[in-house]
Amino acid sequence: MVASVISWEGFERGGKELPCTPESVRAVLTNPDLWFIAEQIDKAAEDSQAFMTASQST
């Protein structure tokens, strides 16, 4: 799931912007208070149409 996150905006830790690194992504995805983020990524990953361009899906 960590590898599926390629960028983000708006995440902060201690008042500083949190860079989108594998370590930071893992920290967010394993934070019990942010459970809904991992859930949304998991649901999106199940939707194969979300990973295909229009030319591939026709």
PDB file of N, CA and C in Angstrom:
ATOM      1  N   MET A   1       0.819  -1.180   0.000  1.00  0.00           N
ATOM      2  CA  MET A   1       0.000   0.000   0.000  1.00  0.00           C
ATOM      3  C   MET A   1       0.874   1.259   0.000  1.00  0.00           C
ATOM      4  N   VAL A   2       1.993   1.207   0.676  1.00  0.00           N
ATOM      5  CA  VAL A   2       2.902   2.367   0.716  1.00  0.00           C
ATOM      6  C   VAL A   2       3.348   2.740  -0.687  1.00  0.00           C
ATOM      7  N   ALA A   3       3.652   1.765  -1.513  1.00  0.00           N
ATOM      8  CA  ALA A   3       4.137   2.030  -2.871  1.00  0.00           C
ATOM      9  C   ALA A   3       3.077   2.676  -3.753  1.00  0.00           C
ATOM     10  N   SER A   4       1.818   2.562  -3.388  1.00  0.00           N
ATOM     11  CA  SER A   4       0.768   3.150  -4.217  1.00  0.00           C
ATOM     12  C   SER A   4       0.610   4.651  -3.997  1.00  0.00           C
ATOM     13  N   VAL A   5       1.225   5.191  -2.962  1.00  0.00           N
ATOM     14  CA  VAL A   5       1.153   6.634  -2.695  1.00  0.00           C
ATOM     15  C   VAL A   5       2.348   7.299  -3.367  1.00  0.00           C
ATOM     16  N   ILE A   6       2.074   8.116  -4.386  1.00  0.00           N
ATOM     17  CA  ILE A   6       3.170   8.739  -5.133  1.00  0.00           C
ATOM     18  C   ILE A   6       3.389  10.194  -4.748  1.00  0.00           C
ATOM     19  N   SER A   7       2.380  10.831  -4.166  1.00  0.00           N
ATOM     20  CA  SER A   7       2.542  12.209  -3.699  1.00  0.00           C
ATOM     21  C   SER A   7       1.392  12.555  -2.759  1.00  0.00           C
ATOM     22  N   TRP A   8       1.578  13.653  -2.027  1.00  0.00           N
ATOM     23  CA  TRP A   8       0.513  14.158  -1.175  1.00  0.00           C
ATOM     24  C   TRP A   8       0.768  15.608  -0.825  1.00  0.00           C
ATOM     25  N   GLU A   9      -0.267  16.245  -0.313  1.00  0.00           N
ATOM     26  CA  GLU A   9      -0.172  17.622   0.156  1.00  0.00           C
ATOM     27  C   GLU A   9      -0.964  17.732   1.455  1.00  0.00           C
ATOM     28  N   GLY A  10      -0.517  18.605   2.323  1.00  0.00           N
ATOM     29  CA  GLY A  10      -1.296  18.921   3.511  1.00  0.00           C
ATOM     30  C   GLY A  10      -1.028  18.099   4.753  1.00  0.00           C
ATOM     31  N   PHE A  11      -0.065  17.204   4.710  1.00  0.00           N
ATOM     32  CA  PHE A  11       0.269  16.440   5.904  1.00  0.00           C
ATOM     33  C   PHE A  11       1.360  17.176   6.672  1.00  0.00           C
ATOM     34  N   GLU A  12       1.121  17.340   7.970  1.00  0.00           N
ATOM     35  CA  GLU A  12       2.093  18.022   8.824  1.00  0.00           C
ATOM     36  C   GLU A  12       2.362  17.200  10.069  1.00  0.00           C
ATOM     37  N   ARG A  13       3.549  17.407  10.603  1.00  0.00           N
ATOM     38  CA  ARG A  13       3.925  16.801  11.891  1.00  0.00           C
ATOM     39  C   ARG A  13       4.684  17.869  12.651  1.00  0.00           C
ATOM     40  N   GLY A  14       4.206  18.197  13.829  1.00  0.00           N
ATOM     41  CA  GLY A  14       4.870  19.212  14.643  1.00  0.00           C
ATOM     42  C   GLY A  14       4.886  20.582  13.980  1.00  0.00           C
ATOM     43  N   GLY A  15       3.862  20.877  13.174  1.00  0.00           N
ATOM     44  CA  GLY A  15       3.787  22.166  12.511  1.00  0.00           C
ATOM     45  C   GLY A  15       4.621  22.300  11.251  1.00  0.00           C
ATOM     46  N   LYS A  16       5.306  21.229  10.865  1.00  0.00           N
ATOM     47  CA  LYS A  16       6.129  21.247   9.647  1.00  0.00           C
ATOM     48  C   LYS A  16       5.535  20.285   8.626  1.00  0.00           C
ATOM     49  N   GLU A  17       5.695  20.651   7.346  1.00  0.00           N
ATOM     50  CA  GLU A  17       5.205  19.789   6.277  1.00  0.00           C
ATOM     51  C   GLU A  17       5.886  18.421   6.351  1.00  0.00           C
ATOM     52  N   LEU A  18       5.093  17.377   6.203  1.00  0.00           N
ATOM     53  CA  LEU A  18       5.609  16.015   6.227  1.00  0.00           C
ATOM     54  C   LEU A  18       5.897  15.579   4.797  1.00  0.00           C
ATOM     55  N   PRO A  19       7.161  15.290   4.472  1.00  0.00           N
ATOM     56  CA  PRO A  19       7.487  14.905   3.096  1.00  0.00           C
ATOM     57  C   PRO A  19       6.873  13.549   2.753  1.00  0.00           C
ATOM     58  N   CYS A  20       6.617  13.361   1.482  1.00  0.00           N
ATOM     59  CA  CYS A  20       6.050  12.097   1.011  1.00  0.00           C
ATOM     60  C   CYS A  20       7.189  11.112   0.744  1.00  0.00           C
ATOM     61  N   THR A  21       7.650  10.490   1.799  1.00  0.00           N
ATOM     62  CA  THR A  21       8.685   9.458   1.709  1.00  0.00           C
ATOM     63  C   THR A  21       8.054   8.130   2.123  1.00  0.00           C
ATOM     64  N   PRO A  22       8.627   7.012   1.743  1.00  0.00           N
ATOM     65  CA  PRO A  22       8.059   5.734   2.175  1.00  0.00           C
ATOM     66  C   PRO A  22       7.896   5.647   3.699  1.00  0.00           C
ATOM     67  N   GLU A  23       8.835   6.188   4.439  1.00  0.00           N
ATOM     68  CA  GLU A  23       8.749   6.140   5.897  1.00  0.00           C
ATOM     69  C   GLU A  23       7.572   6.974   6.405  1.00  0.00           C
ATOM     70  N   SER A  24       7.388   8.161   5.836  1.00  0.00           N
ATOM     71  CA  SER A  24       6.282   9.023   6.245  1.00  0.00           C
ATOM     72  C   SER A  24       4.938   8.417   5.860  1.00  0.00           C
ATOM     73  N   VAL A  25       4.868   7.864   4.656  1.00  0.00           N
ATOM     74  CA  VAL A  25       3.628   7.226   4.211  1.00  0.00           C
ATOM     75  C   VAL A  25       3.282   6.070   5.136  1.00  0.00           C
ATOM     76  N   ARG A  26       4.257   5.256   5.465  1.00  0.00           N
ATOM     77  CA  ARG A  26       4.029   4.123   6.368  1.00  0.00           C
ATOM     78  C   ARG A  26       3.540   4.614   7.734  1.00  0.00           C
ATOM     79  N   ALA A  27       4.118   5.692   8.222  1.00  0.00           N
ATOM     80  CA  ALA A  27       3.703   6.233   9.519  1.00  0.00           C
ATOM     81  C   ALA A  27       2.250   6.695   9.486  1.00  0.00           C
ATOM     82  N   VAL A  28       1.857   7.330   8.394  1.00  0.00           N
ATOM     83  CA  VAL A  28       0.462   7.785   8.272  1.00  0.00           C
ATOM     84  C   VAL A  28      -0.477   6.589   8.147  1.00  0.00           C
ATOM     85  N   LEU A  29      -0.115   5.637   7.300  1.00  0.00           N
ATOM     86  CA  LEU A  29      -0.999   4.496   7.059  1.00  0.00           C
ATOM     87  C   LEU A  29      -1.137   3.569   8.251  1.00  0.00           C
ATOM     88  N   THR A  30      -0.182   3.583   9.150  1.00  0.00           N
ATOM     89  CA  THR A  30      -0.273   2.720  10.330  1.00  0.00           C
ATOM     90  C   THR A  30      -0.758   3.469  11.569  1.00  0.00           C
ATOM     91  N   ASN A  31      -1.066   4.750  11.412  1.00  0.00           N
ATOM     92  CA  ASN A  31      -1.590   5.547  12.527  1.00  0.00           C
ATOM     93  C   ASN A  31      -3.057   5.181  12.734  1.00  0.00           C
ATOM     94  N   PRO A  32      -3.418   4.643  13.887  1.00  0.00           N
ATOM     95  CA  PRO A  32      -4.808   4.237  14.123  1.00  0.00           C
ATOM     96  C   PRO A  32      -5.808   5.389  14.002  1.00  0.00           C
ATOM     97  N   ASP A  33      -5.380   6.608  14.249  1.00  0.00           N
ATOM     98  CA  ASP A  33      -6.277   7.755  14.129  1.00  0.00           C
ATOM     99  C   ASP A  33      -6.574   8.107  12.674  1.00  0.00           C
ATOM    100  N   LEU A  34      -5.757   7.609  11.759  1.00  0.00           N
ATOM    101  CA  LEU A  34      -5.920   7.911  10.334  1.00  0.00           C
ATOM    102  C   LEU A  34      -6.320   6.664   9.544  1.00  0.00           C
ATOM    103  N   TRP A  35      -7.029   5.746  10.184  1.00  0.00           N
ATOM    104  CA  TRP A  35      -7.417   4.469   9.585  1.00  0.00           C
ATOM    105  C   TRP A  35      -8.132   4.635   8.248  1.00  0.00           C
ATOM    106  N   PHE A  36      -8.878   5.708   8.109  1.00  0.00           N
ATOM    107  CA  PHE A  36      -9.696   5.913   6.916  1.00  0.00           C
ATOM    108  C   PHE A  36      -8.854   6.146   5.659  1.00  0.00           C
ATOM    109  N   ILE A  37      -7.635   6.626   5.812  1.00  0.00           N
ATOM    110  CA  ILE A  37      -6.774   6.860   4.650  1.00  0.00           C
ATOM    111  C   ILE A  37      -6.374   5.523   4.031  1.00  0.00           C
ATOM    112  N   ALA A  38      -5.926   4.597   4.842  1.00  0.00           N
ATOM    113  CA  ALA A  38      -5.559   3.268   4.337  1.00  0.00           C
ATOM    114  C   ALA A  38      -6.782   2.582   3.731  1.00  0.00           C
ATOM    115  N   GLU A  39      -7.931   2.765   4.339  1.00  0.00           N
ATOM    116  CA  GLU A  39      -9.161   2.165   3.812  1.00  0.00           C
ATOM    117  C   GLU A  39      -9.487   2.706   2.423  1.00  0.00           C
ATOM    118  N   GLN A  40      -9.336   4.000   2.222  1.00  0.00           N
ATOM    119  CA  GLN A  40      -9.613   4.600   0.917  1.00  0.00           C
ATOM    120  C   GLN A  40      -8.629   4.111  -0.142  1.00  0.00           C
ATOM    121  N   ILE A  41      -7.365   3.991   0.229  1.00  0.00           N
ATOM    122  CA  ILE A  41      -6.359   3.487  -0.721  1.00  0.00           C
ATOM    123  C   ILE A  41      -6.677   2.050  -1.095  1.00  0.00           C
ATOM    124  N   ASP A  42      -7.054   1.250  -0.114  1.00  0.00           N
ATOM    125  CA  ASP A  42      -7.391  -0.148  -0.362  1.00  0.00           C
ATOM    126  C   ASP A  42      -8.585  -0.259  -1.305  1.00  0.00           C
ATOM    127  N   LYS A  43      -9.605   0.536  -1.096  1.00  0.00           N
ATOM    128  CA  LYS A  43     -10.784   0.503  -1.971  1.00  0.00           C
ATOM    129  C   LYS A  43     -10.434   0.953  -3.380  1.00  0.00           C
ATOM    130  N   ALA A  44      -9.597   1.968  -3.507  1.00  0.00           N
ATOM    131  CA  ALA A  44      -9.192   2.442  -4.833  1.00  0.00           C
ATOM    132  C   ALA A  44      -8.383   1.377  -5.561  1.00  0.00           C
ATOM    133  N   ALA A  45      -7.560   0.644  -4.837  1.00  0.00           N
ATOM    134  CA  ALA A  45      -6.730  -0.400  -5.441  1.00  0.00           C
ATOM    135  C   ALA A  45      -7.581  -1.548  -5.981  1.00  0.00           C
ATOM    136  N   GLU A  46      -8.739  -1.761  -5.392  1.00  0.00           N
ATOM    137  CA  GLU A  46      -9.636  -2.811  -5.865  1.00  0.00           C
ATOM    138  C   GLU A  46     -10.326  -2.427  -7.168  1.00  0.00           C
ATOM    139  N   ASP A  47     -10.359  -1.148  -7.489  1.00  0.00           N
ATOM    140  CA  ASP A  47     -11.034  -0.652  -8.693  1.00  0.00           C
ATOM    141  C   ASP A  47     -10.042  -0.629  -9.850  1.00  0.00           C
ATOM    142  N   SER A  48     -10.010  -1.679 -10.642  1.00  0.00           N
ATOM    143  CA  SER A  48      -9.034  -1.767 -11.733  1.00  0.00           C
ATOM    144  C   SER A  48      -9.223  -0.655 -12.750  1.00  0.00           C
ATOM    145  N   GLN A  49     -10.412  -0.136 -12.924  1.00  0.00           N
ATOM    146  CA  GLN A  49     -10.651   0.953 -13.871  1.00  0.00           C
ATOM    147  C   GLN A  49      -9.862   2.200 -13.477  1.00  0.00           C
ATOM    148  N   ALA A  50      -9.608   2.400 -12.196  1.00  0.00           N
ATOM    149  CA  ALA A  50      -8.881   3.575 -11.733  1.00  0.00           C
ATOM    150  C   ALA A  50      -7.426   3.542 -12.181  1.00  0.00           C
ATOM    151  N   PHE A  51      -6.927   2.381 -12.575  1.00  0.00           N
ATOM    152  CA  PHE A  51      -5.526   2.244 -12.946  1.00  0.00           C
ATOM    153  C   PHE A  51      -5.311   2.135 -14.452  1.00  0.00           C
ATOM    154  N   MET A  52      -6.377   2.311 -15.222  1.00  0.00           N
ATOM    155  CA  MET A  52      -6.261   2.210 -16.665  1.00  0.00           C
ATOM    156  C   MET A  52      -6.600   3.541 -17.323  1.00  0.00           C
ATOM    157  N   THR A  53      -5.896   3.854 -18.389  1.00  0.00           N
ATOM    158  CA  THR A  53      -6.226   5.049 -19.162  1.00  0.00           C
ATOM    159  C   THR A  53      -7.426   4.703 -20.048  1.00  0.00           C
ATOM    160  N   ALA A  54      -8.030   5.714 -20.625  1.00  0.00           N
ATOM    161  CA  ALA A  54      -9.203   5.498 -21.473  1.00  0.00           C
ATOM    162  C   ALA A  54      -8.892   4.556 -22.626  1.00  0.00           C
ATOM    163  N   SER A  55      -7.707   4.651 -23.210  1.00  0.00           N
ATOM    164  CA  SER A  55      -7.356   3.785 -24.347  1.00  0.00           C
ATOM    165  C   SER A  55      -7.190   2.333 -23.930  1.00  0.00           C
ATOM    166  N   GLN A  56      -6.769   2.084 -22.712  1.00  0.00           N
ATOM    167  CA  GLN A  56      -6.588   0.723 -22.249  1.00  0.00           C
ATOM    168  C   GLN A  56      -7.910   0.066 -21.862  1.00  0.00           C
ATOM    169  N   SER A  57      -8.879   0.860 -21.433  1.00  0.00           N
ATOM    170  CA  SER A  57     -10.116   0.292 -20.924  1.00  0.00           C
ATOM    171  C   SER A  57     -11.181   0.132 -21.998  1.00  0.00           C
ATOM    172  N   THR A  58     -10.884   0.508 -23.225  1.00  0.00           N
ATOM    173  CA  THR A  58     -11.880   0.365 -24.303  1.00  0.00           C
ATOM    174  C   THR A  58     -11.624  -0.859 -25.123  1.00  0.00           C
TER     175      THR A  58
END
